[in-house]
Amino acid sequence: MNRTELREAVLATLLSIAPEVEPDQLAGARTLREQVDLDSMDWLNFLIALKERTGVDIPEADYRKLTTLDVLVDYLATRLGA
């Protein structure tokens, strides 16, 4: 997957957890959880669904690093070697 496909996968996964999200309104550099108002359980479900969609294992130790949409896409791209 390239970065565009990864971003689309992240957004599609996010919409499956929070269908009220407006993807066009998300700022890549702002904290994602604050923009979409996900509680900790929704965030965990999002990360699990993202693993299923992309095949990237996200260790629990990395959860705190994944703060913004841009950081999340970069993280997945690095893990996939994209």
N, C-alpha and C. Protein backbone atom coordinates (compact mmCIF):
# COMPACT_ATOMS: atom_id res chain seq x y z
N MET A 1 0.84 -1.19 0.00
CA MET A 1 0.00 0.00 0.00
C MET A 1 0.88 1.25 0.00
N ASN A 2 0.49 2.22 -0.81
CA ASN A 2 1.21 3.49 -0.77
C ASN A 2 0.53 4.40 0.27
N ARG A 3 1.08 5.59 0.46
CA ARG A 3 0.56 6.48 1.51
C ARG A 3 -0.90 6.90 1.27
N THR A 4 -1.26 7.12 0.02
CA THR A 4 -2.64 7.49 -0.30
C THR A 4 -3.58 6.36 0.07
N GLU A 5 -3.22 5.14 -0.29
CA GLU A 5 -4.05 3.98 0.05
C GLU A 5 -4.12 3.78 1.56
N LEU A 6 -3.00 4.01 2.24
CA LEU A 6 -3.00 3.89 3.70
C LEU A 6 -3.91 4.92 4.34
N ARG A 7 -3.84 6.15 3.85
CA ARG A 7 -4.72 7.20 4.40
C ARG A 7 -6.18 6.83 4.17
N GLU A 8 -6.50 6.34 2.99
CA GLU A 8 -7.87 5.92 2.69
C GLU A 8 -8.30 4.77 3.59
N ALA A 9 -7.38 3.83 3.86
CA ALA A 9 -7.68 2.70 4.74
C ALA A 9 -7.93 3.18 6.17
N VAL A 10 -7.13 4.13 6.62
CA VAL A 10 -7.31 4.69 7.96
C VAL A 10 -8.67 5.37 8.05
N LEU A 11 -8.99 6.18 7.07
CA LEU A 11 -10.27 6.91 7.09
C LEU A 11 -11.46 5.95 6.99
N ALA A 12 -11.37 4.95 6.14
CA ALA A 12 -12.46 3.98 6.01
C ALA A 12 -12.66 3.22 7.32
N THR A 13 -11.56 2.87 7.97
CA THR A 13 -11.63 2.17 9.24
C THR A 13 -12.24 3.08 10.30
N LEU A 14 -11.82 4.32 10.30
CA LEU A 14 -12.35 5.29 11.25
C LEU A 14 -13.86 5.47 11.06
N LEU A 15 -14.30 5.53 9.82
CA LEU A 15 -15.73 5.68 9.53
C LEU A 15 -16.53 4.45 9.97
N SER A 16 -15.90 3.29 9.98
CA SER A 16 -16.61 2.09 10.44
C SER A 16 -16.84 2.14 11.95
N ILE A 17 -15.99 2.86 12.66
CA ILE A 17 -16.11 3.00 14.11
C ILE A 17 -16.94 4.23 14.47
N ALA A 18 -16.74 5.30 13.71
CA ALA A 18 -17.42 6.57 13.98
C ALA A 18 -18.00 7.11 12.68
N PRO A 19 -19.16 6.61 12.28
CA PRO A 19 -19.74 6.99 10.98
C PRO A 19 -20.10 8.46 10.84
N GLU A 20 -20.16 9.18 11.95
CA GLU A 20 -20.50 10.60 11.89
C GLU A 20 -19.31 11.47 11.49
N VAL A 21 -18.12 10.90 11.41
CA VAL A 21 -16.91 11.66 11.07
C VAL A 21 -16.98 12.17 9.64
N GLU A 22 -16.56 13.40 9.45
CA GLU A 22 -16.46 14.02 8.13
C GLU A 22 -14.98 13.97 7.72
N PRO A 23 -14.57 13.01 6.91
CA PRO A 23 -13.15 12.85 6.57
C PRO A 23 -12.51 14.12 5.99
N ASP A 24 -13.27 14.89 5.23
CA ASP A 24 -12.73 16.12 4.64
C ASP A 24 -12.42 17.18 5.68
N GLN A 25 -12.99 17.05 6.86
CA GLN A 25 -12.79 18.03 7.91
C GLN A 25 -11.61 17.71 8.82
N LEU A 26 -11.01 16.52 8.66
CA LEU A 26 -9.92 16.11 9.53
C LEU A 26 -8.61 16.77 9.12
N ALA A 27 -7.94 17.36 10.09
CA ALA A 27 -6.62 17.95 9.86
C ALA A 27 -5.56 16.91 10.19
N GLY A 28 -4.65 16.68 9.26
CA GLY A 28 -3.64 15.64 9.42
C GLY A 28 -2.72 15.83 10.60
N ALA A 29 -2.51 17.09 11.02
CA ALA A 29 -1.55 17.36 12.09
C ALA A 29 -2.20 17.57 13.46
N ARG A 30 -3.51 17.54 13.52
CA ARG A 30 -4.20 17.71 14.81
C ARG A 30 -4.47 16.34 15.44
N THR A 31 -4.56 16.31 16.75
CA THR A 31 -4.81 15.07 17.46
C THR A 31 -6.11 14.44 16.97
N LEU A 32 -5.98 13.23 16.48
CA LEU A 32 -7.11 12.55 15.85
C LEU A 32 -8.23 12.24 16.85
N ARG A 33 -7.88 11.75 18.01
CA ARG A 33 -8.92 11.41 18.99
C ARG A 33 -9.74 12.61 19.40
N GLU A 34 -9.12 13.77 19.47
CA GLU A 34 -9.86 14.98 19.82
C GLU A 34 -10.77 15.43 18.68
N GLN A 35 -10.31 15.25 17.45
CA GLN A 35 -11.11 15.67 16.30
C GLN A 35 -12.37 14.83 16.14
N VAL A 36 -12.26 13.56 16.47
CA VAL A 36 -13.41 12.67 16.25
C VAL A 36 -14.07 12.24 17.55
N ASP A 37 -13.55 12.72 18.66
CA ASP A 37 -14.14 12.48 19.99
C ASP A 37 -14.35 11.00 20.27
N LEU A 38 -13.27 10.21 20.14
CA LEU A 38 -13.33 8.79 20.45
C LEU A 38 -12.93 8.55 21.89
N ASP A 39 -13.70 7.73 22.58
CA ASP A 39 -13.28 7.34 23.92
C ASP A 39 -12.23 6.22 23.79
N SER A 40 -11.70 5.79 24.90
CA SER A 40 -10.60 4.82 24.86
C SER A 40 -11.03 3.48 24.25
N MET A 41 -12.26 3.07 24.48
CA MET A 41 -12.74 1.80 23.91
C MET A 41 -12.91 1.91 22.39
N ASP A 42 -13.46 3.02 21.93
CA ASP A 42 -13.60 3.23 20.48
C ASP A 42 -12.22 3.30 19.83
N TRP A 43 -11.26 3.95 20.50
CA TRP A 43 -9.91 4.06 19.96
C TRP A 43 -9.28 2.67 19.83
N LEU A 44 -9.45 1.85 20.85
CA LEU A 44 -8.92 0.48 20.81
C LEU A 44 -9.58 -0.30 19.68
N ASN A 45 -10.88 -0.19 19.54
CA ASN A 45 -11.59 -0.88 18.45
C ASN A 45 -11.10 -0.39 17.09
N PHE A 46 -10.83 0.89 16.99
CA PHE A 46 -10.30 1.47 15.75
C PHE A 46 -8.94 0.86 15.41
N LEU A 47 -8.06 0.78 16.39
CA LEU A 47 -6.71 0.23 16.14
C LEU A 47 -6.77 -1.25 15.79
N ILE A 48 -7.65 -1.99 16.43
CA ILE A 48 -7.81 -3.41 16.11
C ILE A 48 -8.34 -3.57 14.69
N ALA A 49 -9.34 -2.77 14.34
CA ALA A 49 -9.90 -2.84 12.98
C ALA A 49 -8.86 -2.41 11.94
N LEU A 50 -8.02 -1.45 12.30
CA LEU A 50 -6.97 -1.00 11.40
C LEU A 50 -5.96 -2.12 11.15
N LYS A 51 -5.63 -2.86 12.18
CA LYS A 51 -4.73 -4.01 12.03
C LYS A 51 -5.34 -5.04 11.07
N GLU A 52 -6.63 -5.30 11.25
CA GLU A 52 -7.31 -6.26 10.38
C GLU A 52 -7.32 -5.79 8.94
N ARG A 53 -7.50 -4.50 8.72
CA ARG A 53 -7.58 -3.95 7.36
C ARG A 53 -6.22 -3.90 6.68
N THR A 54 -5.18 -3.54 7.43
CA THR A 54 -3.86 -3.33 6.83
C THR A 54 -2.89 -4.49 7.03
N GLY A 55 -3.17 -5.32 8.02
CA GLY A 55 -2.25 -6.41 8.34
C GLY A 55 -1.08 -5.98 9.19
N VAL A 56 -1.07 -4.74 9.63
CA VAL A 56 0.02 -4.22 10.45
C VAL A 56 -0.30 -4.45 11.92
N ASP A 57 0.58 -5.19 12.59
CA ASP A 57 0.41 -5.40 14.02
C ASP A 57 0.84 -4.13 14.74
N ILE A 58 -0.03 -3.61 15.58
CA ILE A 58 0.26 -2.39 16.33
C ILE A 58 0.37 -2.78 17.80
N PRO A 59 1.61 -2.89 18.31
CA PRO A 59 1.77 -3.26 19.72
C PRO A 59 1.17 -2.20 20.64
N GLU A 60 0.66 -2.66 21.77
CA GLU A 60 0.04 -1.75 22.72
C GLU A 60 0.99 -0.63 23.14
N ALA A 61 2.28 -0.94 23.18
CA ALA A 61 3.29 0.07 23.57
C ALA A 61 3.31 1.25 22.60
N ASP A 62 2.84 1.05 21.37
CA ASP A 62 2.85 2.11 20.36
C ASP A 62 1.57 2.94 20.32
N TYR A 63 0.55 2.54 21.03
CA TYR A 63 -0.74 3.23 20.96
C TYR A 63 -0.61 4.73 21.24
N ARG A 64 0.19 5.09 22.22
CA ARG A 64 0.32 6.51 22.60
C ARG A 64 1.04 7.34 21.54
N LYS A 65 1.81 6.68 20.70
CA LYS A 65 2.55 7.39 19.64
C LYS A 65 1.63 7.83 18.50
N LEU A 66 0.53 7.15 18.35
CA LEU A 66 -0.35 7.34 17.19
C LEU A 66 -1.35 8.46 17.48
N THR A 67 -0.86 9.67 17.43
CA THR A 67 -1.65 10.82 17.87
C THR A 67 -2.44 11.51 16.76
N THR A 68 -1.86 11.63 15.59
CA THR A 68 -2.51 12.36 14.50
C THR A 68 -2.70 11.45 13.29
N LEU A 69 -3.50 11.89 12.37
CA LEU A 69 -3.71 11.14 11.14
C LEU A 69 -2.39 10.99 10.38
N ASP A 70 -1.61 12.07 10.31
CA ASP A 70 -0.33 12.01 9.60
C ASP A 70 0.63 11.04 10.27
N VAL A 71 0.70 11.08 11.59
CA VAL A 71 1.59 10.17 12.33
C VAL A 71 1.15 8.72 12.13
N LEU A 72 -0.13 8.50 12.15
CA LEU A 72 -0.66 7.15 11.97
C LEU A 72 -0.33 6.61 10.58
N VAL A 73 -0.52 7.42 9.55
CA VAL A 73 -0.18 7.00 8.19
C VAL A 73 1.32 6.74 8.07
N ASP A 74 2.15 7.61 8.63
CA ASP A 74 3.60 7.41 8.60
C ASP A 74 3.99 6.12 9.31
N TYR A 75 3.39 5.87 10.46
CA TYR A 75 3.67 4.66 11.22
C TYR A 75 3.34 3.42 10.39
N LEU A 76 2.17 3.40 9.80
CA LEU A 76 1.77 2.24 8.99
C LEU A 76 2.67 2.08 7.77
N ALA A 77 3.01 3.19 7.13
CA ALA A 77 3.89 3.14 5.95
C ALA A 77 5.25 2.57 6.33
N THR A 78 5.78 2.99 7.46
CA THR A 78 7.08 2.47 7.91
C THR A 78 6.99 0.99 8.19
N ARG A 79 5.94 0.57 8.87
CA ARG A 79 5.78 -0.85 9.22
C ARG A 79 5.58 -1.71 7.96
N LEU A 80 4.99 -1.14 6.93
CA LEU A 80 4.75 -1.88 5.69
C LEU A 80 5.91 -1.73 4.70
N GLY A 81 6.83 -0.84 5.03
CA GLY A 81 7.95 -0.60 4.11
C GLY A 81 7.55 0.17 2.88
N ALA A 82 6.48 0.97 2.99
CA ALA A 82 5.98 1.74 1.84
C ALA A 82 6.78 3.02 1.65
